[in-house]
Amino acid sequence: VNKLLQLHFKDDKTRVSGDALLLMAEMLKVFVREAAARAARQAQTED
């Protein structure tokens, strides 16, 4: 998660706290699960 965030920071000196990394990891988990669920529903609509 830190590496992903660092790829988008303009300043190389920007740091992320451990709590912020855990929050971002949780957000990514929710996003990925939701993407999987929606993709599964899409496949079902196409039989």
ModelCIF file with pLDDT and N, C-alpha, C, O atoms, coordinates in Angstrom:
data_MODEL
#
_entry.id   MODEL 
#
_entity.id                         1 
_entity.type                       polymer 
_entity.pdbx_number_of_molecules   1 
#
_entity_poly.entity_id                      1 
_entity_poly.type                           'polypeptide(L)' 
_entity_poly.nstd_linkage                   no 
_entity_poly.nstd_monomer                   no 
_entity_poly.pdbx_seq_one_letter_code       VNKLLQLHFKDDKTRVSGDALLLMAEMLKVFVREAAARAARQAQTED 
_entity_poly.pdbx_seq_one_letter_code_can   VNKLLQLHFKDDKTRVSGDALLLMAEMLKVFVREAAARAARQAQTED 
_entity_poly.pdbx_strand_id                 A 
#
loop_
_entity_poly_seq.entity_id 
_entity_poly_seq.num 
_entity_poly_seq.mon_id 
_entity_poly_seq.hetero 
1 1  VAL n 
1 2  ASN n 
1 3  LYS n 
1 4  LEU n 
1 5  LEU n 
1 6  GLN n 
1 7  LEU n 
1 8  HIS n 
1 9  PHE n 
1 10 LYS n 
1 11 ASP n 
1 12 ASP n 
1 13 LYS n 
1 14 THR n 
1 15 ARG n 
1 16 VAL n 
1 17 SER n 
1 18 GLY n 
1 19 ASP n 
1 20 ALA n 
1 21 LEU n 
1 22 LEU n 
1 23 LEU n 
1 24 MET n 
1 25 ALA n 
1 26 GLU n 
1 27 MET n 
1 28 LEU n 
1 29 LYS n 
1 30 VAL n 
1 31 PHE n 
1 32 VAL n 
1 33 ARG n 
1 34 GLU n 
1 35 ALA n 
1 36 ALA n 
1 37 ALA n 
1 38 ARG n 
1 39 ALA n 
1 40 ALA n 
1 41 ARG n 
1 42 GLN n 
1 43 ALA n 
1 44 GLN n 
1 45 THR n 
1 46 GLU n 
1 47 ASP n 
#
_struct_asym.id          A 
_struct_asym.entity_id   1 
#
loop_
_ma_qa_metric.id 
_ma_qa_metric.mode 
_ma_qa_metric.name 
_ma_qa_metric.software_group_id 
_ma_qa_metric.type 
1 global pLDDT . pLDDT 
2 local  pLDDT . pLDDT 
#
_ma_qa_metric_global.metric_id      1 
_ma_qa_metric_global.metric_value   93.98 
_ma_qa_metric_global.model_id       1 
_ma_qa_metric_global.ordinal_id     1 
#
loop_
_ma_qa_metric_local.label_asym_id 
_ma_qa_metric_local.label_comp_id 
_ma_qa_metric_local.label_seq_id 
_ma_qa_metric_local.metric_id 
_ma_qa_metric_local.metric_value 
_ma_qa_metric_local.model_id 
_ma_qa_metric_local.ordinal_id 
A VAL 1  2 95.00 1 1  
A ASN 2  2 95.00 1 2  
A LYS 3  2 94.00 1 3  
A LEU 4  2 93.00 1 4  
A LEU 5  2 94.00 1 5  
A GLN 6  2 94.00 1 6  
A LEU 7  2 94.00 1 7  
A HIS 8  2 91.00 1 8  
A PHE 9  2 93.00 1 9  
A LYS 10 2 93.00 1 10 
A ASP 11 2 93.00 1 11 
A ASP 12 2 88.00 1 12 
A LYS 13 2 93.00 1 13 
A THR 14 2 93.00 1 14 
A ARG 15 2 94.00 1 15 
A VAL 16 2 94.00 1 16 
A SER 17 2 95.00 1 17 
A GLY 18 2 93.00 1 18 
A ASP 19 2 94.00 1 19 
A ALA 20 2 94.00 1 20 
A LEU 21 2 94.00 1 21 
A LEU 22 2 92.00 1 22 
A LEU 23 2 93.00 1 23 
A MET 24 2 93.00 1 24 
A ALA 25 2 93.00 1 25 
A GLU 26 2 91.00 1 26 
A MET 27 2 90.00 1 27 
A LEU 28 2 92.00 1 28 
A LYS 29 2 92.00 1 29 
A VAL 30 2 90.00 1 30 
A PHE 31 2 92.00 1 31 
A VAL 32 2 93.00 1 32 
A ARG 33 2 93.00 1 33 
A GLU 34 2 94.00 1 34 
A ALA 35 2 96.00 1 35 
A ALA 36 2 96.00 1 36 
A ALA 37 2 96.00 1 37 
A ARG 38 2 96.00 1 38 
A ALA 39 2 98.00 1 39 
A ALA 40 2 97.00 1 40 
A ARG 41 2 97.00 1 41 
A GLN 42 2 97.00 1 42 
A ALA 43 2 97.00 1 43 
A GLN 44 2 97.00 1 44 
A THR 45 2 97.00 1 45 
A GLU 46 2 97.00 1 46 
A ASP 47 2 97.00 1 47 
#
loop_
_atom_site.group_PDB 
_atom_site.id 
_atom_site.type_symbol 
_atom_site.label_atom_id 
_atom_site.label_alt_id 
_atom_site.label_comp_id 
_atom_site.label_asym_id 
_atom_site.label_entity_id 
_atom_site.label_seq_id 
_atom_site.pdbx_PDB_ins_code 
_atom_site.Cartn_x 
_atom_site.Cartn_y 
_atom_site.Cartn_z 
_atom_site.occupancy 
_atom_site.B_iso_or_equiv 
_atom_site.pdbx_formal_charge 
_atom_site.auth_seq_id 
_atom_site.auth_comp_id 
_atom_site.auth_asym_id 
_atom_site.auth_atom_id 
_atom_site.pdbx_PDB_model_num 
ATOM 1   N N  . VAL A 1 1  ? 0.839   -1.193  0.000   1.00 95.00 ? 1  VAL A N  1 
ATOM 2   C CA . VAL A 1 1  ? 0.000   0.000   0.000   1.00 95.00 ? 1  VAL A CA 1 
ATOM 3   C C  . VAL A 1 1  ? 0.878   1.248   0.000   1.00 95.00 ? 1  VAL A C  1 
ATOM 4   O O  . VAL A 1 1  ? 0.607   2.204   -0.726  1.00 95.00 ? 1  VAL A O  1 
ATOM 5   N N  . ASN A 1 2  ? 1.918   1.234   0.807   1.00 95.00 ? 2  ASN A N  1 
ATOM 6   C CA . ASN A 1 2  ? 2.836   2.373   0.855   1.00 95.00 ? 2  ASN A CA 1 
ATOM 7   C C  . ASN A 1 2  ? 3.461   2.616   -0.514  1.00 95.00 ? 2  ASN A C  1 
ATOM 8   O O  . ASN A 1 2  ? 3.559   3.759   -0.959  1.00 95.00 ? 2  ASN A O  1 
ATOM 9   N N  . LYS A 1 3  ? 3.883   1.550   -1.179  1.00 94.00 ? 3  LYS A N  1 
ATOM 10  C CA . LYS A 1 3  ? 4.510   1.684   -2.498  1.00 94.00 ? 3  LYS A CA 1 
ATOM 11  C C  . LYS A 1 3  ? 3.523   2.276   -3.505  1.00 94.00 ? 3  LYS A C  1 
ATOM 12  O O  . LYS A 1 3  ? 3.883   3.146   -4.297  1.00 94.00 ? 3  LYS A O  1 
ATOM 13  N N  . LEU A 1 4  ? 2.275   1.799   -3.469  1.00 93.00 ? 4  LEU A N  1 
ATOM 14  C CA . LEU A 1 4  ? 1.254   2.344   -4.360  1.00 93.00 ? 4  LEU A CA 1 
ATOM 15  C C  . LEU A 1 4  ? 1.040   3.837   -4.126  1.00 93.00 ? 4  LEU A C  1 
ATOM 16  O O  . LEU A 1 4  ? 0.939   4.618   -5.072  1.00 93.00 ? 4  LEU A O  1 
ATOM 17  N N  . LEU A 1 5  ? 0.975   4.218   -2.861  1.00 94.00 ? 5  LEU A N  1 
ATOM 18  C CA . LEU A 1 5  ? 0.798   5.630   -2.542  1.00 94.00 ? 5  LEU A CA 1 
ATOM 19  C C  . LEU A 1 5  ? 2.008   6.450   -2.975  1.00 94.00 ? 5  LEU A C  1 
ATOM 20  O O  . LEU A 1 5  ? 1.855   7.532   -3.542  1.00 94.00 ? 5  LEU A O  1 
ATOM 21  N N  . GLN A 1 6  ? 3.196   5.946   -2.714  1.00 94.00 ? 6  GLN A N  1 
ATOM 22  C CA . GLN A 1 6  ? 4.420   6.673   -3.053  1.00 94.00 ? 6  GLN A CA 1 
ATOM 23  C C  . GLN A 1 6  ? 4.518   6.944   -4.555  1.00 94.00 ? 6  GLN A C  1 
ATOM 24  O O  . GLN A 1 6  ? 5.090   7.952   -4.969  1.00 94.00 ? 6  GLN A O  1 
ATOM 25  N N  . LEU A 1 7  ? 3.965   6.053   -5.364  1.00 94.00 ? 7  LEU A N  1 
ATOM 26  C CA . LEU A 1 7  ? 3.988   6.243   -6.819  1.00 94.00 ? 7  LEU A CA 1 
ATOM 27  C C  . LEU A 1 7  ? 3.235   7.496   -7.250  1.00 94.00 ? 7  LEU A C  1 
ATOM 28  O O  . LEU A 1 7  ? 3.475   8.030   -8.332  1.00 94.00 ? 7  LEU A O  1 
ATOM 29  N N  . HIS A 1 8  ? 2.323   7.963   -6.396  1.00 91.00 ? 8  HIS A N  1 
ATOM 30  C CA . HIS A 1 8  ? 1.484   9.100   -6.778  1.00 91.00 ? 8  HIS A CA 1 
ATOM 31  C C  . HIS A 1 8  ? 1.794   10.385  -6.028  1.00 91.00 ? 8  HIS A C  1 
ATOM 32  O O  . HIS A 1 8  ? 1.171   11.415  -6.288  1.00 91.00 ? 8  HIS A O  1 
ATOM 33  N N  . PHE A 1 9  ? 2.734   10.345  -5.115  1.00 93.00 ? 9  PHE A N  1 
ATOM 34  C CA . PHE A 1 9  ? 3.115   11.562  -4.403  1.00 93.00 ? 9  PHE A CA 1 
ATOM 35  C C  . PHE A 1 9  ? 4.061   12.381  -5.265  1.00 93.00 ? 9  PHE A C  1 
ATOM 36  O O  . PHE A 1 9  ? 4.939   11.835  -5.933  1.00 93.00 ? 9  PHE A O  1 
ATOM 37  N N  . LYS A 1 10 ? 3.878   13.688  -5.246  1.00 93.00 ? 10 LYS A N  1 
ATOM 38  C CA . LYS A 1 10 ? 4.758   14.569  -6.012  1.00 93.00 ? 10 LYS A CA 1 
ATOM 39  C C  . LYS A 1 10 ? 6.093   14.766  -5.311  1.00 93.00 ? 10 LYS A C  1 
ATOM 40  O O  . LYS A 1 10 ? 7.128   14.918  -5.960  1.00 93.00 ? 10 LYS A O  1 
ATOM 41  N N  . ASP A 1 11 ? 6.067   14.764  -3.995  1.00 93.00 ? 11 ASP A N  1 
ATOM 42  C CA . ASP A 1 11 ? 7.285   14.963  -3.208  1.00 93.00 ? 11 ASP A CA 1 
ATOM 43  C C  . ASP A 1 11 ? 7.771   13.617  -2.666  1.00 93.00 ? 11 ASP A C  1 
ATOM 44  O O  . ASP A 1 11 ? 7.043   12.947  -1.934  1.00 93.00 ? 11 ASP A O  1 
ATOM 45  N N  . ASP A 1 12 ? 8.970   13.226  -3.014  1.00 88.00 ? 12 ASP A N  1 
ATOM 46  C CA . ASP A 1 12 ? 9.527   11.949  -2.572  1.00 88.00 ? 12 ASP A CA 1 
ATOM 47  C C  . ASP A 1 12 ? 9.685   11.872  -1.052  1.00 88.00 ? 12 ASP A C  1 
ATOM 48  O O  . ASP A 1 12 ? 9.824   10.781  -0.498  1.00 88.00 ? 12 ASP A O  1 
ATOM 49  N N  . LYS A 1 13 ? 9.664   13.009  -0.386  1.00 93.00 ? 13 LYS A N  1 
ATOM 50  C CA . LYS A 1 13 ? 9.846   13.028  1.064   1.00 93.00 ? 13 LYS A CA 1 
ATOM 51  C C  . LYS A 1 13 ? 8.533   12.799  1.821   1.00 93.00 ? 13 LYS A C  1 
ATOM 52  O O  . LYS A 1 13 ? 8.537   12.699  3.047   1.00 93.00 ? 13 LYS A O  1 
ATOM 53  N N  . THR A 1 14 ? 7.416   12.716  1.101   1.00 93.00 ? 14 THR A N  1 
ATOM 54  C CA . THR A 1 14 ? 6.126   12.502  1.745   1.00 93.00 ? 14 THR A CA 1 
ATOM 55  C C  . THR A 1 14 ? 6.094   11.127  2.383   1.00 93.00 ? 14 THR A C  1 
ATOM 56  O O  . THR A 1 14 ? 6.481   10.140  1.758   1.00 93.00 ? 14 THR A O  1 
ATOM 57  N N  . ARG A 1 15 ? 5.636   11.058  3.624   1.00 94.00 ? 15 ARG A N  1 
ATOM 58  C CA . ARG A 1 15 ? 5.555   9.806   4.369   1.00 94.00 ? 15 ARG A CA 1 
ATOM 59  C C  . ARG A 1 15 ? 4.111   9.579   4.804   1.00 94.00 ? 15 ARG A C  1 
ATOM 60  O O  . ARG A 1 15 ? 3.331   10.522  4.938   1.00 94.00 ? 15 ARG A O  1 
ATOM 61  N N  . VAL A 1 16 ? 3.772   8.312   5.022   1.00 94.00 ? 16 VAL A N  1 
ATOM 62  C CA . VAL A 1 16 ? 2.426   7.930   5.435   1.00 94.00 ? 16 VAL A CA 1 
ATOM 63  C C  . VAL A 1 16 ? 2.526   7.198   6.763   1.00 94.00 ? 16 VAL A C  1 
ATOM 64  O O  . VAL A 1 16 ? 3.376   6.323   6.927   1.00 94.00 ? 16 VAL A O  1 
ATOM 65  N N  . SER A 1 17 ? 1.673   7.546   7.706   1.00 95.00 ? 17 SER A N  1 
ATOM 66  C CA . SER A 1 17 ? 1.706   6.890   9.012   1.00 95.00 ? 17 SER A CA 1 
ATOM 67  C C  . SER A 1 17 ? 1.176   5.460   8.911   1.00 95.00 ? 17 SER A C  1 
ATOM 68  O O  . SER A 1 17 ? 0.481   5.105   7.959   1.00 95.00 ? 17 SER A O  1 
ATOM 69  N N  . GLY A 1 18 ? 1.511   4.666   9.890   1.00 93.00 ? 18 GLY A N  1 
ATOM 70  C CA . GLY A 1 18 ? 1.045   3.285   9.931   1.00 93.00 ? 18 GLY A CA 1 
ATOM 71  C C  . GLY A 1 18 ? -0.470  3.187   9.961   1.00 93.00 ? 18 GLY A C  1 
ATOM 72  O O  . GLY A 1 18 ? -1.053  2.324   9.305   1.00 93.00 ? 18 GLY A O  1 
ATOM 73  N N  . ASP A 1 19 ? -1.111  4.072   10.723  1.00 94.00 ? 19 ASP A N  1 
ATOM 74  C CA . ASP A 1 19 ? -2.572  4.069   10.784  1.00 94.00 ? 19 ASP A CA 1 
ATOM 75  C C  . ASP A 1 19 ? -3.184  4.415   9.426   1.00 94.00 ? 19 ASP A C  1 
ATOM 76  O O  . ASP A 1 19 ? -4.184  3.821   9.023   1.00 94.00 ? 19 ASP A O  1 
ATOM 77  N N  . ALA A 1 20 ? -2.595  5.358   8.735   1.00 94.00 ? 20 ALA A N  1 
ATOM 78  C CA . ALA A 1 20 ? -3.091  5.735   7.412   1.00 94.00 ? 20 ALA A CA 1 
ATOM 79  C C  . ALA A 1 20 ? -2.925  4.580   6.426   1.00 94.00 ? 20 ALA A C  1 
ATOM 80  O O  . ALA A 1 20 ? -3.787  4.355   5.577   1.00 94.00 ? 20 ALA A O  1 
ATOM 81  N N  . LEU A 1 21 ? -1.817  3.852   6.541   1.00 94.00 ? 21 LEU A N  1 
ATOM 82  C CA . LEU A 1 21 ? -1.609  2.691   5.673   1.00 94.00 ? 21 LEU A CA 1 
ATOM 83  C C  . LEU A 1 21 ? -2.650  1.610   5.943   1.00 94.00 ? 21 LEU A C  1 
ATOM 84  O O  . LEU A 1 21 ? -3.163  0.990   5.012   1.00 94.00 ? 21 LEU A O  1 
ATOM 85  N N  . LEU A 1 22 ? -2.962  1.386   7.219   1.00 92.00 ? 22 LEU A N  1 
ATOM 86  C CA . LEU A 1 22 ? -3.991  0.401   7.551   1.00 92.00 ? 22 LEU A CA 1 
ATOM 87  C C  . LEU A 1 22 ? -5.359  0.822   7.014   1.00 92.00 ? 22 LEU A C  1 
ATOM 88  O O  . LEU A 1 22 ? -6.122  -0.012  6.526   1.00 92.00 ? 22 LEU A O  1 
ATOM 89  N N  . LEU A 1 23 ? -5.663  2.105   7.104   1.00 93.00 ? 23 LEU A N  1 
ATOM 90  C CA . LEU A 1 23 ? -6.925  2.613   6.577   1.00 93.00 ? 23 LEU A CA 1 
ATOM 91  C C  . LEU A 1 23 ? -6.994  2.443   5.067   1.00 93.00 ? 23 LEU A C  1 
ATOM 92  O O  . LEU A 1 23 ? -8.015  2.006   4.535   1.00 93.00 ? 23 LEU A O  1 
ATOM 93  N N  . MET A 1 24 ? -5.923  2.782   4.379   1.00 93.00 ? 24 MET A N  1 
ATOM 94  C CA . MET A 1 24 ? -5.881  2.628   2.927   1.00 93.00 ? 24 MET A CA 1 
ATOM 95  C C  . MET A 1 24 ? -5.998  1.154   2.534   1.00 93.00 ? 24 MET A C  1 
ATOM 96  O O  . MET A 1 24 ? -6.662  0.830   1.550   1.00 93.00 ? 24 MET A O  1 
ATOM 97  N N  . ALA A 1 25 ? -5.362  0.266   3.289   1.00 93.00 ? 25 ALA A N  1 
ATOM 98  C CA . ALA A 1 25 ? -5.451  -1.169  3.015   1.00 93.00 ? 25 ALA A CA 1 
ATOM 99  C C  . ALA A 1 25 ? -6.899  -1.635  3.152   1.00 93.00 ? 25 ALA A C  1 
ATOM 100 O O  . ALA A 1 25 ? -7.380  -2.433  2.348   1.00 93.00 ? 25 ALA A O  1 
ATOM 101 N N  . GLU A 1 26 ? -7.583  -1.134  4.170   1.00 91.00 ? 26 GLU A N  1 
ATOM 102 C CA . GLU A 1 26 ? -8.994  -1.487  4.361   1.00 91.00 ? 26 GLU A CA 1 
ATOM 103 C C  . GLU A 1 26 ? -9.838  -0.956  3.207   1.00 91.00 ? 26 GLU A C  1 
ATOM 104 O O  . GLU A 1 26 ? -10.729 -1.652  2.719   1.00 91.00 ? 26 GLU A O  1 
ATOM 105 N N  . MET A 1 27 ? -9.568  0.251   2.775   1.00 90.00 ? 27 MET A N  1 
ATOM 106 C CA . MET A 1 27 ? -10.311 0.824   1.650   1.00 90.00 ? 27 MET A CA 1 
ATOM 107 C C  . MET A 1 27 ? -10.069 0.023   0.369   1.00 90.00 ? 27 MET A C  1 
ATOM 108 O O  . MET A 1 27 ? -10.999 -0.212  -0.402  1.00 90.00 ? 27 MET A O  1 
ATOM 109 N N  . LEU A 1 28 ? -8.847  -0.386  0.148   1.00 92.00 ? 28 LEU A N  1 
ATOM 110 C CA . LEU A 1 28 ? -8.538  -1.217  -1.019  1.00 92.00 ? 28 LEU A CA 1 
ATOM 111 C C  . LEU A 1 28 ? -9.265  -2.549  -0.949  1.00 92.00 ? 28 LEU A C  1 
ATOM 112 O O  . LEU A 1 28 ? -9.770  -3.038  -1.959  1.00 92.00 ? 28 LEU A O  1 
ATOM 113 N N  . LYS A 1 29 ? -9.321  -3.138  0.239   1.00 92.00 ? 29 LYS A N  1 
ATOM 114 C CA . LYS A 1 29 ? -10.019 -4.412  0.413   1.00 92.00 ? 29 LYS A CA 1 
ATOM 115 C C  . LYS A 1 29 ? -11.496 -4.261  0.054   1.00 92.00 ? 29 LYS A C  1 
ATOM 116 O O  . LYS A 1 29 ? -12.050 -5.096  -0.662  1.00 92.00 ? 29 LYS A O  1 
ATOM 117 N N  . VAL A 1 30 ? -12.123 -3.215  0.540   1.00 90.00 ? 30 VAL A N  1 
ATOM 118 C CA . VAL A 1 30 ? -13.535 -2.967  0.239   1.00 90.00 ? 30 VAL A CA 1 
ATOM 119 C C  . VAL A 1 30 ? -13.725 -2.758  -1.257  1.00 90.00 ? 30 VAL A C  1 
ATOM 120 O O  . VAL A 1 30 ? -14.660 -3.300  -1.846  1.00 90.00 ? 30 VAL A O  1 
ATOM 121 N N  . PHE A 1 31 ? -12.855 -1.986  -1.866  1.00 92.00 ? 31 PHE A N  1 
ATOM 122 C CA . PHE A 1 31 ? -12.953 -1.696  -3.300  1.00 92.00 ? 31 PHE A CA 1 
ATOM 123 C C  . PHE A 1 31 ? -12.825 -2.978  -4.119  1.00 92.00 ? 31 PHE A C  1 
ATOM 124 O O  . PHE A 1 31 ? -13.617 -3.206  -5.034  1.00 92.00 ? 31 PHE A O  1 
ATOM 125 N N  . VAL A 1 32 ? -11.843 -3.810  -3.804  1.00 93.00 ? 32 VAL A N  1 
ATOM 126 C CA . VAL A 1 32 ? -11.614 -5.045  -4.554  1.00 93.00 ? 32 VAL A CA 1 
ATOM 127 C C  . VAL A 1 32 ? -12.775 -6.019  -4.365  1.00 93.00 ? 32 VAL A C  1 
ATOM 128 O O  . VAL A 1 32 ? -13.221 -6.646  -5.326  1.00 93.00 ? 32 VAL A O  1 
ATOM 129 N N  . ARG A 1 33 ? -13.260 -6.147  -3.147  1.00 93.00 ? 33 ARG A N  1 
ATOM 130 C CA . ARG A 1 33 ? -14.403 -7.036  -2.903  1.00 93.00 ? 33 ARG A CA 1 
ATOM 131 C C  . ARG A 1 33 ? -15.642 -6.554  -3.646  1.00 93.00 ? 33 ARG A C  1 
ATOM 132 O O  . ARG A 1 33 ? -16.377 -7.355  -4.223  1.00 93.00 ? 33 ARG A O  1 
ATOM 133 N N  . GLU A 1 34 ? -15.869 -5.269  -3.630  1.00 94.00 ? 34 GLU A N  1 
ATOM 134 C CA . GLU A 1 34 ? -17.023 -4.717  -4.341  1.00 94.00 ? 34 GLU A CA 1 
ATOM 135 C C  . GLU A 1 34 ? -16.881 -4.930  -5.848  1.00 94.00 ? 34 GLU A C  1 
ATOM 136 O O  . GLU A 1 34 ? -17.858 -5.250  -6.526  1.00 94.00 ? 34 GLU A O  1 
ATOM 137 N N  . ALA A 1 35 ? -15.679 -4.755  -6.367  1.00 96.00 ? 35 ALA A N  1 
ATOM 138 C CA . ALA A 1 35 ? -15.442 -5.003  -7.798  1.00 96.00 ? 35 ALA A CA 1 
ATOM 139 C C  . ALA A 1 35 ? -15.726 -6.461  -8.151  1.00 96.00 ? 35 ALA A C  1 
ATOM 140 O O  . ALA A 1 35 ? -16.340 -6.743  -9.181  1.00 96.00 ? 35 ALA A O  1 
ATOM 141 N N  . ALA A 1 36 ? -15.289 -7.374  -7.313  1.00 96.00 ? 36 ALA A N  1 
ATOM 142 C CA . ALA A 1 36 ? -15.526 -8.799  -7.552  1.00 96.00 ? 36 ALA A CA 1 
ATOM 143 C C  . ALA A 1 36 ? -17.019 -9.122  -7.505  1.00 96.00 ? 36 ALA A C  1 
ATOM 144 O O  . ALA A 1 36 ? -17.527 -9.856  -8.352  1.00 96.00 ? 36 ALA A O  1 
ATOM 145 N N  . ALA A 1 37 ? -17.716 -8.574  -6.519  1.00 96.00 ? 37 ALA A N  1 
ATOM 146 C CA . ALA A 1 37 ? -19.151 -8.833  -6.388  1.00 96.00 ? 37 ALA A CA 1 
ATOM 147 C C  . ALA A 1 37 ? -19.923 -8.284  -7.584  1.00 96.00 ? 37 ALA A C  1 
ATOM 148 O O  . ALA A 1 37 ? -20.805 -8.953  -8.123  1.00 96.00 ? 37 ALA A O  1 
ATOM 149 N N  . ARG A 1 38 ? -19.589 -7.072  -7.993  1.00 96.00 ? 38 ARG A N  1 
ATOM 150 C CA . ARG A 1 38 ? -20.282 -6.478  -9.136  1.00 96.00 ? 38 ARG A CA 1 
ATOM 151 C C  . ARG A 1 38 ? -19.968 -7.223  -10.428 1.00 96.00 ? 38 ARG A C  1 
ATOM 152 O O  . ARG A 1 38 ? -20.846 -7.403  -11.272 1.00 96.00 ? 38 ARG A O  1 
ATOM 153 N N  . ALA A 1 39 ? -18.738 -7.649  -10.584 1.00 98.00 ? 39 ALA A N  1 
ATOM 154 C CA . ALA A 1 39 ? -18.362 -8.414  -11.774 1.00 98.00 ? 39 ALA A CA 1 
ATOM 155 C C  . ALA A 1 39 ? -19.104 -9.748  -11.804 1.00 98.00 ? 39 ALA A C  1 
ATOM 156 O O  . ALA A 1 39 ? -19.525 -10.200 -12.869 1.00 98.00 ? 39 ALA A O  1 
ATOM 157 N N  . ALA A 1 40 ? -19.265 -10.375 -10.650 1.00 97.00 ? 40 ALA A N  1 
ATOM 158 C CA . ALA A 1 40 ? -20.010 -11.637 -10.570 1.00 97.00 ? 40 ALA A CA 1 
ATOM 159 C C  . ALA A 1 40 ? -21.473 -11.421 -10.948 1.00 97.00 ? 40 ALA A C  1 
ATOM 160 O O  . ALA A 1 40 ? -22.054 -12.221 -11.681 1.00 97.00 ? 40 ALA A O  1 
ATOM 161 N N  . ARG A 1 41 ? -22.067 -10.334 -10.445 1.00 97.00 ? 41 ARG A N  1 
ATOM 162 C CA . ARG A 1 41 ? -23.457 -10.028 -10.810 1.00 97.00 ? 41 ARG A CA 1 
ATOM 163 C C  . ARG A 1 41 ? -23.586 -9.750  -12.306 1.00 97.00 ? 41 ARG A C  1 
ATOM 164 O O  . ARG A 1 41 ? -24.573 -10.134 -12.934 1.00 97.00 ? 41 ARG A O  1 
ATOM 165 N N  . GLN A 1 42 ? -22.586 -9.084  -12.868 1.00 97.00 ? 42 GLN A N  1 
ATOM 166 C CA . GLN A 1 42 ? -22.603 -8.803  -14.309 1.00 97.00 ? 42 GLN A CA 1 
ATOM 167 C C  . GLN A 1 42 ? -22.564 -10.105 -15.098 1.00 97.00 ? 42 GLN A C  1 
ATOM 168 O O  . GLN A 1 42 ? -23.298 -10.265 -16.073 1.00 97.00 ? 42 GLN A O  1 
ATOM 169 N N  . ALA A 1 43 ? -21.719 -11.026 -14.684 1.00 97.00 ? 43 ALA A N  1 
ATOM 170 C CA . ALA A 1 43 ? -21.642 -12.331 -15.362 1.00 97.00 ? 43 ALA A CA 1 
ATOM 171 C C  . ALA A 1 43 ? -22.976 -13.058 -15.249 1.00 97.00 ? 43 ALA A C  1 
ATOM 172 O O  . ALA A 1 43 ? -23.420 -13.685 -16.211 1.00 97.00 ? 43 ALA A O  1 
ATOM 173 N N  . GLN A 1 44 ? -23.619 -12.982 -14.086 1.00 97.00 ? 44 GLN A N  1 
ATOM 174 C CA . GLN A 1 44 ? -24.916 -13.646 -13.900 1.00 97.00 ? 44 GLN A CA 1 
ATOM 175 C C  . GLN A 1 44 ? -25.978 -13.059 -14.824 1.00 97.00 ? 44 GLN A C  1 
ATOM 176 O O  . GLN A 1 44 ? -26.806 -13.789 -15.368 1.00 97.00 ? 44 GLN A O  1 
ATOM 177 N N  . THR A 1 45 ? -25.951 -11.739 -14.999 1.00 97.00 ? 45 THR A N  1 
ATOM 178 C CA . THR A 1 45 ? -26.940 -11.117 -15.898 1.00 97.00 ? 45 THR A CA 1 
ATOM 179 C C  . THR A 1 45 ? -26.747 -11.583 -17.333 1.00 97.00 ? 45 THR A C  1 
ATOM 180 O O  . THR A 1 45 ? -27.676 -11.534 -18.139 1.00 97.00 ? 45 THR A O  1 
ATOM 181 N N  . GLU A 1 46 ? -25.538 -12.035 -17.651 1.00 97.00 ? 46 GLU A N  1 
ATOM 182 C CA . GLU A 1 46 ? -25.237 -12.553 -18.990 1.00 97.00 ? 46 GLU A CA 1 
ATOM 183 C C  . GLU A 1 46 ? -25.370 -14.075 -19.028 1.00 97.00 ? 46 GLU A C  1 
ATOM 184 O O  . GLU A 1 46 ? -24.933 -14.717 -19.983 1.00 97.00 ? 46 GLU A O  1 
ATOM 185 N N  . ASP A 1 47 ? -25.976 -14.650 -17.982 1.00 97.00 ? 47 ASP A N  1 
ATOM 186 C CA . ASP A 1 47 ? -26.180 -16.103 -17.860 1.00 97.00 ? 47 ASP A CA 1 
ATOM 187 C C  . ASP A 1 47 ? -24.879 -16.886 -17.979 1.00 97.00 ? 47 ASP A C  1 
ATOM 188 O O  . ASP A 1 47 ? -24.888 -18.115 -17.898 1.00 97.00 ? 47 ASP A O  1 
#
